Amino acid sequence: MKKIKSFILGAMVMAMVAPVFTACGDDDKSETINNLVSEYEVNDKMVAAQKAASKKDVAVLLVAFGSTWDNAFKAFDKTKAAYEAAFPEADVYVCFSSDICINRASAGENVDDNGKIVKRDYYEPRYLLHAIGAAKYSKIYVQSLQVIPGEEFAAVVASVKKFMNNGYIGSAHLDDKYLEKLADDEAIFFGMPLLNDPDTDVPEVAKQLNAIYASEAAQGAVAFMGHGNPDSYDTFKANVRYTQLEEALQKLNPNYFVGTVDMPDNYKQDVKERMADKGINDGKCYLHALMSIAGDHAHNDMAGQGDEYWNAEDPESEDNSWFEYFKNNGYEPIVSMPAGNKHPLGLLELPGVLQVWINHTKNAEFLEDAYHSMYPEE
């Protein structure tokens, strides 16, 4: 295994664990700590019960950004089931890194296909890690369900590093000797995002996507919408993965394109320009979400239809959906979905792509040796 250089790791951790400051008085601070401890206790009990029932000594923690959509919850359920099949020796847990998604999912922001409000309780990585540590699993795998090793991935890394340093509020009762043993035994492993390695992951994901969408590419343009990060948040300069994926896909068929909602110079307007450069100025344009699940971005930014998603007075507005943008620019946009499915699909719902994530977990390295994806592109 590659050993990370300590001075590089130190600089990275300092950058990733920058505090978030809020204005609050002493009373607010006390209340916050009490709430955190309460949630730790909930997770301690939940995880302890699972471990006692299963009698397993390995834990797999899947860390997603999160969602509030019922179809996304089902995708996470299926992903958890796939991991349980791939790791029969392990207890598998799912958590969200987004506080907003956690709160809105718990409040029941969306409904299912029958109009029934759906509420789900998810937790931040720190709570699940604390509970897993309190249950003293002897081996822990943390798998990032992010697509690129960018800003959200950095937050996951920081969460695991802080757990290993026993640094969370309310975590004083974690056993330092247990955490030291995890480190000494190299027993906490870190699984990388989907498009971690440009030389292996990018072409493999391109291959899997082409296996599914080759028939669409034979009929017209196929545009994938990823998230991306603004320049100021392009951690590890990971935005380049979208460009690399488009290049890999176009080696299989020149009708594939990859854009984002947040990466400069790779918005829907830029995708249309690249399509025009290849002589594709009209015809069918199939739209797919290049995100782990199909949530707000997929349903609204990509697939949104009607006047609510199109501003004729500002046709280049970022608020215009991809569907309406391509429709109003002479294309026939198609939000491709399997028969009987009322929602776009996320990448976790594509078995061949999910397998790439699973392989990352199987090949996960000891946390301190995980530097191979945490570097700026040169």
Protein backbone atom coordinates (compact mmCIF):
# COMPACT_ATOMS: atom_id res chain seq x y z
CA MET A 1 0.00 0.00 0.00
CA LYS A 2 1.09 3.55 -0.64
CA LYS A 3 1.95 5.46 2.56
CA ILE A 4 0.74 9.01 2.70
CA LYS A 5 3.25 11.76 3.45
CA SER A 6 2.42 13.22 6.83
CA PHE A 7 2.94 16.85 5.91
CA ILE A 8 0.56 16.54 2.94
CA LEU A 9 -2.06 14.80 5.04
CA GLY A 10 -1.79 17.46 7.73
CA ALA A 11 -2.32 20.26 5.24
CA MET A 12 -5.27 18.48 3.69
CA VAL A 13 -6.96 17.76 6.99
CA MET A 14 -6.57 21.38 8.10
CA ALA A 15 -8.22 22.51 4.87
CA MET A 16 -11.02 19.98 5.09
CA VAL A 17 -11.96 20.50 8.69
CA ALA A 18 -12.40 24.27 8.55
CA PRO A 19 -15.08 25.17 11.11
CA VAL A 20 -18.47 26.57 10.25
CA PHE A 21 -19.21 29.61 12.43
CA THR A 22 -22.70 30.51 13.58
CA ALA A 23 -23.92 33.32 15.81
CA CYS A 24 -25.28 31.83 19.02
CA GLY A 25 -25.26 32.58 22.74
CA ASP A 26 -24.32 30.30 25.59
CA ASP A 27 -27.86 28.96 25.89
CA ASP A 28 -27.94 28.09 22.20
CA LYS A 29 -24.60 26.33 22.49
CA SER A 30 -25.76 24.28 25.46
CA GLU A 31 -28.94 23.29 23.66
CA THR A 32 -26.96 22.27 20.59
CA ILE A 33 -24.69 20.00 22.62
CA ASN A 34 -27.67 18.39 24.35
CA ASN A 35 -29.31 17.72 20.99
CA LEU A 36 -26.13 16.18 19.64
CA VAL A 37 -25.73 13.90 22.64
CA SER A 38 -29.37 12.86 22.34
CA GLU A 39 -28.89 11.91 18.70
CA TYR A 40 -25.71 10.01 19.54
CA GLU A 41 -27.68 8.00 22.06
CA VAL A 42 -30.37 7.19 19.48
CA ASN A 43 -27.76 5.92 17.05
CA ASP A 44 -25.85 4.05 19.73
CA LYS A 45 -29.01 2.13 20.57
CA MET A 46 -29.94 1.55 16.92
CA VAL A 47 -26.51 0.26 15.92
CA ALA A 48 -26.00 -1.68 19.15
CA ALA A 49 -29.30 -3.48 18.55
CA GLN A 50 -28.33 -4.32 14.98
CA LYS A 51 -24.94 -5.68 16.05
CA ALA A 52 -26.46 -7.71 18.87
CA ALA A 53 -29.02 -9.23 16.50
CA SER A 54 -26.62 -10.00 13.67
CA LYS A 55 -23.59 -10.89 15.80
CA LYS A 56 -21.43 -9.52 12.98
CA ASP A 57 -18.15 -7.79 13.64
CA VAL A 58 -17.76 -5.82 10.39
CA ALA A 59 -19.59 -2.59 9.54
CA VAL A 60 -20.04 -0.92 6.15
CA LEU A 61 -21.13 2.72 6.25
CA LEU A 62 -22.45 4.14 2.97
CA VAL A 63 -22.23 7.93 2.89
CA ALA A 64 -24.47 9.75 0.40
CA PHE A 65 -25.14 13.46 0.03
CA GLY A 66 -28.82 12.69 0.53
CA SER A 67 -32.25 13.42 -0.91
CA THR A 68 -35.85 14.06 0.07
CA TRP A 69 -37.45 12.08 -2.76
CA ASP A 70 -39.21 8.77 -2.15
CA ASN A 71 -37.73 7.26 -5.33
CA ALA A 72 -34.28 8.17 -3.99
CA PHE A 73 -35.03 6.52 -0.64
CA LYS A 74 -35.94 3.35 -2.54
CA ALA A 75 -32.68 3.60 -4.49
CA PHE A 76 -30.75 3.81 -1.22
CA ASP A 77 -32.70 0.81 0.11
CA LYS A 78 -31.75 -1.23 -2.97
CA THR A 79 -28.14 -0.09 -2.69
CA LYS A 80 -28.06 -1.20 0.95
CA ALA A 81 -29.50 -4.58 -0.08
CA ALA A 82 -26.89 -4.94 -2.83
CA TYR A 83 -24.14 -4.23 -0.31
CA GLU A 84 -25.58 -6.74 2.14
CA ALA A 85 -25.42 -9.35 -0.62
CA ALA A 86 -21.85 -8.35 -1.55
CA PHE A 87 -20.70 -8.22 2.10
CA PRO A 88 -22.66 -10.96 3.92
CA GLU A 89 -20.22 -10.74 6.85
CA ALA A 90 -21.10 -7.07 7.50
CA ASP A 91 -23.83 -4.89 8.94
CA VAL A 92 -24.58 -2.17 6.40
CA TYR A 93 -25.68 1.36 7.31
CA VAL A 94 -26.63 4.39 5.19
CA CYS A 95 -26.18 8.02 6.17
CA PHE A 96 -26.46 11.50 4.61
CA SER A 97 -23.81 14.20 4.66
CA SER A 98 -26.31 17.00 3.94
CA ASP A 99 -28.05 18.52 6.97
CA ILE A 100 -30.68 20.04 4.69
CA CYS A 101 -31.53 16.67 3.17
CA ILE A 102 -31.64 15.04 6.61
CA ASN A 103 -34.02 17.66 7.99
CA ARG A 104 -36.29 17.75 4.96
CA ALA A 105 -36.42 13.98 4.64
CA SER A 106 -37.42 13.75 8.29
CA ALA A 107 -40.07 16.47 7.80
CA GLY A 108 -41.58 14.66 4.81
CA GLU A 109 -40.91 17.18 2.06
CA ASN A 110 -42.05 14.92 -0.78
CA VAL A 111 -44.73 12.31 -1.42
CA ASP A 112 -44.72 8.87 -2.95
CA ASP A 113 -46.38 8.00 -6.26
CA ASN A 114 -49.72 7.60 -4.46
CA GLY A 115 -49.59 11.08 -2.97
CA LYS A 116 -48.72 9.90 0.53
CA ILE A 117 -46.20 11.96 2.51
CA VAL A 118 -43.02 9.98 3.08
CA LYS A 119 -40.78 10.67 6.06
CA ARG A 120 -37.38 9.06 6.54
CA ASP A 121 -34.86 9.50 9.34
CA TYR A 122 -31.25 9.57 8.22
CA TYR A 123 -28.23 10.80 10.15
CA GLU A 124 -24.90 12.49 9.55
CA PRO A 125 -21.74 10.36 9.17
CA ARG A 126 -20.46 11.50 12.58
CA TYR A 127 -23.47 10.01 14.37
CA LEU A 128 -23.24 6.64 12.64
CA LEU A 129 -19.46 6.53 13.04
CA HIS A 130 -19.85 7.30 16.74
CA ALA A 131 -22.41 4.53 17.12
CA ILE A 132 -20.31 2.06 15.15
CA GLY A 133 -17.35 2.94 17.36
CA ALA A 134 -19.42 2.57 20.51
CA ALA A 135 -20.50 -0.89 19.30
CA LYS A 136 -16.79 -1.72 18.77
CA TYR A 137 -16.91 -3.30 15.35
CA SER A 138 -13.47 -4.75 14.69
CA LYS A 139 -13.41 -3.70 11.03
CA ILE A 140 -15.09 -0.67 9.44
CA TYR A 141 -15.54 0.24 5.80
CA VAL A 142 -16.66 3.76 4.93
CA GLN A 143 -17.82 4.06 1.33
CA SER A 144 -18.34 7.41 -0.34
CA LEU A 145 -21.36 7.36 -2.67
CA GLN A 146 -20.23 10.61 -4.26
CA VAL A 147 -19.63 10.63 -8.02
CA ILE A 148 -16.42 12.67 -8.06
CA PRO A 149 -13.74 13.20 -5.39
CA GLY A 150 -14.80 16.80 -4.84
CA GLU A 151 -16.16 19.02 -2.09
CA GLU A 152 -18.64 16.56 -0.59
CA PHE A 153 -16.07 13.78 -0.66
CA ALA A 154 -13.65 15.99 1.28
CA ALA A 155 -16.30 16.41 3.97
CA VAL A 156 -16.64 12.63 4.25
CA VAL A 157 -12.88 12.26 4.64
CA ALA A 158 -12.91 14.90 7.37
CA SER A 159 -15.69 13.07 9.22
CA VAL A 160 -13.72 9.84 9.30
CA LYS A 161 -10.50 11.56 10.35
CA LYS A 162 -12.32 13.29 13.20
CA PHE A 163 -13.87 10.01 14.30
CA MET A 164 -10.44 8.39 14.46
CA ASN A 165 -9.25 11.29 16.59
CA ASN A 166 -12.26 10.85 18.93
CA GLY A 167 -13.05 14.48 18.27
CA TYR A 168 -16.84 14.76 18.26
CA ILE A 169 -18.99 16.47 20.87
CA GLY A 170 -20.47 13.86 23.15
CA SER A 171 -18.02 11.14 22.07
CA ALA A 172 -15.90 11.12 25.24
CA HIS A 173 -17.13 7.65 26.12
CA LEU A 174 -15.58 6.13 23.01
CA ASP A 175 -12.67 3.90 23.94
CA ASP A 176 -9.38 5.45 22.81
CA LYS A 177 -7.70 2.05 23.00
CA TYR A 178 -10.32 0.68 20.62
CA LEU A 179 -9.67 3.50 18.14
CA GLU A 180 -5.92 3.00 18.48
CA LYS A 181 -6.40 -0.69 17.73
CA LEU A 182 -8.39 0.17 14.59
CA ALA A 183 -5.44 2.28 13.48
CA ASP A 184 -2.76 -0.20 14.54
CA ASP A 185 -4.55 -3.10 12.85
CA GLU A 186 -5.26 -0.96 9.78
CA ALA A 187 -8.90 -1.95 10.24
CA ILE A 188 -10.75 1.15 9.04
CA PHE A 189 -10.99 1.34 5.27
CA PHE A 190 -12.05 4.08 2.90
CA GLY A 191 -13.86 3.43 -0.37
CA MET A 192 -13.46 6.06 -3.07
CA PRO A 193 -16.08 7.90 -5.16
CA LEU A 194 -17.35 6.50 -8.43
CA LEU A 195 -15.06 8.44 -10.77
CA ASN A 196 -12.03 8.32 -8.52
CA ASP A 197 -9.39 7.10 -10.95
CA PRO A 198 -9.23 8.67 -14.43
CA ASP A 199 -7.41 5.66 -15.88
CA THR A 200 -9.65 2.88 -14.61
CA ASP A 201 -12.93 4.21 -13.20
CA VAL A 202 -13.71 6.71 -15.96
CA PRO A 203 -13.45 4.25 -18.86
CA GLU A 204 -15.27 1.56 -16.87
CA VAL A 205 -18.21 3.84 -16.09
CA ALA A 206 -18.27 4.97 -19.72
CA LYS A 207 -18.40 1.31 -20.76
CA GLN A 208 -21.28 0.60 -18.38
CA LEU A 209 -23.26 3.66 -19.50
CA ASN A 210 -22.76 2.79 -23.14
CA ALA A 211 -23.97 -0.75 -22.50
CA ILE A 212 -27.26 0.74 -21.33
CA TYR A 213 -27.66 3.73 -23.64
CA ALA A 214 -25.99 2.69 -26.90
CA SER A 215 -29.37 2.38 -28.64
CA GLU A 216 -30.23 5.96 -27.66
CA ALA A 217 -26.87 7.25 -28.89
CA ALA A 218 -27.61 5.60 -32.21
CA GLN A 219 -30.77 7.72 -32.54
CA GLY A 220 -29.59 11.12 -31.31
CA ALA A 221 -27.65 12.98 -28.65
CA VAL A 222 -27.40 11.59 -25.13
CA ALA A 223 -26.70 14.27 -22.52
CA PHE A 224 -25.76 13.40 -18.93
CA MET A 225 -26.27 16.02 -16.23
CA GLY A 226 -23.86 15.88 -13.30
CA HIS A 227 -23.55 18.27 -10.40
CA GLY A 228 -20.03 19.66 -10.42
CA ASN A 229 -18.52 22.28 -8.15
CA PRO A 230 -17.97 26.01 -8.65
CA ASP A 231 -14.32 26.93 -9.17
CA SER A 232 -13.98 28.09 -5.56
CA TYR A 233 -15.14 24.65 -4.33
CA ASP A 234 -13.40 22.45 -6.89
CA THR A 235 -11.72 20.34 -4.23
CA PHE A 236 -8.91 18.17 -5.60
CA LYS A 237 -9.80 19.78 -8.98
CA ALA A 238 -12.26 16.94 -9.43
CA ASN A 239 -14.47 18.70 -12.02
CA VAL A 240 -12.12 17.40 -14.68
CA ARG A 241 -13.73 13.97 -14.25
CA TYR A 242 -16.81 15.16 -16.17
CA THR A 243 -14.67 16.21 -19.11
CA GLN A 244 -12.74 12.94 -18.94
CA LEU A 245 -15.97 10.94 -18.86
CA GLU A 246 -17.32 12.76 -21.93
CA GLU A 247 -14.07 12.02 -23.75
CA ALA A 248 -14.26 8.34 -22.78
CA LEU A 249 -17.91 8.11 -23.86
CA GLN A 250 -17.24 9.82 -27.17
CA LYS A 251 -14.63 7.18 -27.98
CA LEU A 252 -17.57 4.77 -27.93
CA ASN A 253 -20.03 7.09 -29.68
CA PRO A 254 -19.59 10.81 -30.53
CA ASN A 255 -23.23 11.47 -29.60
CA TYR A 256 -22.53 11.35 -25.85
CA PHE A 257 -22.15 14.58 -23.84
CA VAL A 258 -21.59 15.33 -20.16
CA GLY A 259 -22.56 18.63 -18.55
CA THR A 260 -23.28 19.89 -15.05
CA VAL A 261 -25.38 22.32 -13.06
CA ASP A 262 -22.46 23.89 -11.22
CA MET A 263 -19.17 23.48 -13.11
CA PRO A 264 -18.07 26.65 -14.95
CA ASP A 265 -17.90 26.27 -18.73
CA ASN A 266 -19.84 23.02 -18.58
CA TYR A 267 -23.46 24.11 -18.23
CA LYS A 268 -26.29 23.11 -20.54
CA GLN A 269 -25.38 26.01 -22.86
CA ASP A 270 -21.86 24.63 -23.18
CA VAL A 271 -23.22 21.16 -23.89
CA LYS A 272 -25.38 22.59 -26.67
CA GLU A 273 -22.36 24.35 -28.16
CA ARG A 274 -20.37 21.11 -28.18
CA MET A 275 -23.32 19.36 -29.80
CA ALA A 276 -23.48 22.05 -32.48
CA ASP A 277 -19.72 21.71 -33.07
CA LYS A 278 -20.39 18.09 -34.00
CA GLY A 279 -23.23 19.10 -36.31
CA ILE A 280 -26.00 18.06 -33.92
CA ASN A 281 -28.39 21.02 -34.08
CA ASP A 282 -31.72 19.23 -33.72
CA GLY A 283 -33.27 15.80 -33.34
CA LYS A 284 -33.66 13.62 -30.29
CA CYS A 285 -31.77 14.55 -27.13
CA TYR A 286 -31.96 11.95 -24.38
CA LEU A 287 -31.43 13.31 -20.87
CA HIS A 288 -29.98 11.36 -17.93
CA ALA A 289 -28.89 12.25 -14.42
CA LEU A 290 -25.20 11.65 -13.73
CA MET A 291 -25.83 11.63 -9.99
CA SER A 292 -26.03 8.81 -7.48
CA ILE A 293 -29.79 9.25 -7.17
CA ALA A 294 -32.51 11.18 -8.99
CA GLY A 295 -33.52 13.97 -6.63
CA ASP A 296 -34.31 17.65 -6.99
CA HIS A 297 -31.68 18.28 -9.66
CA ALA A 298 -32.88 15.38 -11.80
CA HIS A 299 -36.59 16.12 -11.41
CA ASN A 300 -36.40 19.91 -11.71
CA ASP A 301 -33.12 21.15 -13.21
CA MET A 302 -33.01 18.36 -15.77
CA ALA A 303 -36.51 17.01 -16.38
CA GLY A 304 -38.71 19.97 -15.41
CA GLN A 305 -41.37 20.72 -18.04
CA GLY A 306 -43.70 23.65 -18.62
CA ASP A 307 -43.74 27.41 -18.11
CA GLU A 308 -42.47 27.03 -14.55
CA TYR A 309 -39.17 25.79 -15.97
CA TRP A 310 -38.77 28.17 -18.90
CA ASN A 311 -38.23 31.93 -18.94
CA ALA A 312 -38.58 33.12 -22.53
CA GLU A 313 -37.29 36.57 -21.56
CA ASP A 314 -34.08 35.04 -20.27
CA PRO A 315 -33.46 31.90 -22.33
CA GLU A 316 -29.95 31.46 -20.92
CA SER A 317 -31.09 31.55 -17.30
CA GLU A 318 -29.67 28.85 -15.03
CA ASP A 319 -33.22 28.36 -13.73
CA ASN A 320 -34.38 27.01 -17.09
CA SER A 321 -34.48 23.23 -17.07
CA TRP A 322 -32.43 21.17 -19.49
CA PHE A 323 -35.64 19.76 -20.95
CA GLU A 324 -37.09 23.18 -21.76
CA TYR A 325 -33.74 24.59 -22.84
CA PHE A 326 -33.16 21.93 -25.47
CA LYS A 327 -36.83 21.96 -26.48
CA ASN A 328 -36.71 25.71 -27.09
CA ASN A 329 -33.50 25.35 -29.05
CA GLY A 330 -34.88 23.02 -31.68
CA TYR A 331 -34.27 19.60 -30.13
CA GLU A 332 -36.67 16.86 -29.08
CA PRO A 333 -35.72 16.26 -25.44
CA ILE A 334 -36.54 12.88 -23.95
CA VAL A 335 -36.23 12.05 -20.26
CA SER A 336 -35.56 8.38 -20.70
CA MET A 337 -37.05 6.06 -18.05
CA PRO A 338 -37.69 2.31 -17.91
CA ALA A 339 -41.21 1.24 -18.76
CA GLY A 340 -43.56 1.89 -15.87
CA ASN A 341 -41.09 4.12 -14.02
CA LYS A 342 -42.32 7.61 -13.14
CA HIS A 343 -38.89 8.96 -12.23
CA PRO A 344 -35.50 9.39 -13.88
CA LEU A 345 -32.86 6.94 -12.71
CA GLY A 346 -29.79 7.72 -10.65
CA LEU A 347 -26.47 5.96 -11.10
CA LEU A 348 -26.99 3.73 -8.06
CA GLU A 349 -29.94 2.19 -9.90
CA LEU A 350 -27.74 1.02 -12.77
CA PRO A 351 -26.32 -2.37 -11.69
CA GLY A 352 -23.13 -2.12 -13.75
CA VAL A 353 -22.35 1.32 -12.35
CA LEU A 354 -23.25 0.32 -8.78
CA GLN A 355 -20.77 -2.52 -9.14
CA VAL A 356 -17.97 0.04 -9.59
CA TRP A 357 -18.81 1.46 -6.16
CA ILE A 358 -18.98 -2.04 -4.68
CA ASN A 359 -15.58 -2.86 -6.17
CA HIS A 360 -14.19 0.31 -4.58
CA THR A 361 -15.36 -0.97 -1.20
CA LYS A 362 -13.87 -4.40 -1.80
CA ASN A 363 -10.58 -2.75 -2.77
CA ALA A 364 -10.76 -0.08 -0.08
CA GLU A 365 -7.47 0.90 1.49
CA PHE A 366 -6.60 1.62 5.08
CA LEU A 367 -7.58 5.22 5.74
CA GLU A 368 -4.02 6.55 5.96
CA ASP A 369 -3.21 4.98 2.59
CA ALA A 370 -6.12 6.53 0.75
CA TYR A 371 -4.12 9.41 -0.71
CA HIS A 372 -4.17 8.07 -4.24
CA SER A 373 -7.38 9.96 -5.09
CA MET A 374 -6.73 12.98 -2.89
CA TYR A 375 -4.49 15.05 -5.09
CA PRO A 376 -4.82 17.98 -7.48
CA GLU A 377 -4.77 17.15 -11.16
CA GLU A 378 -1.47 18.11 -12.77
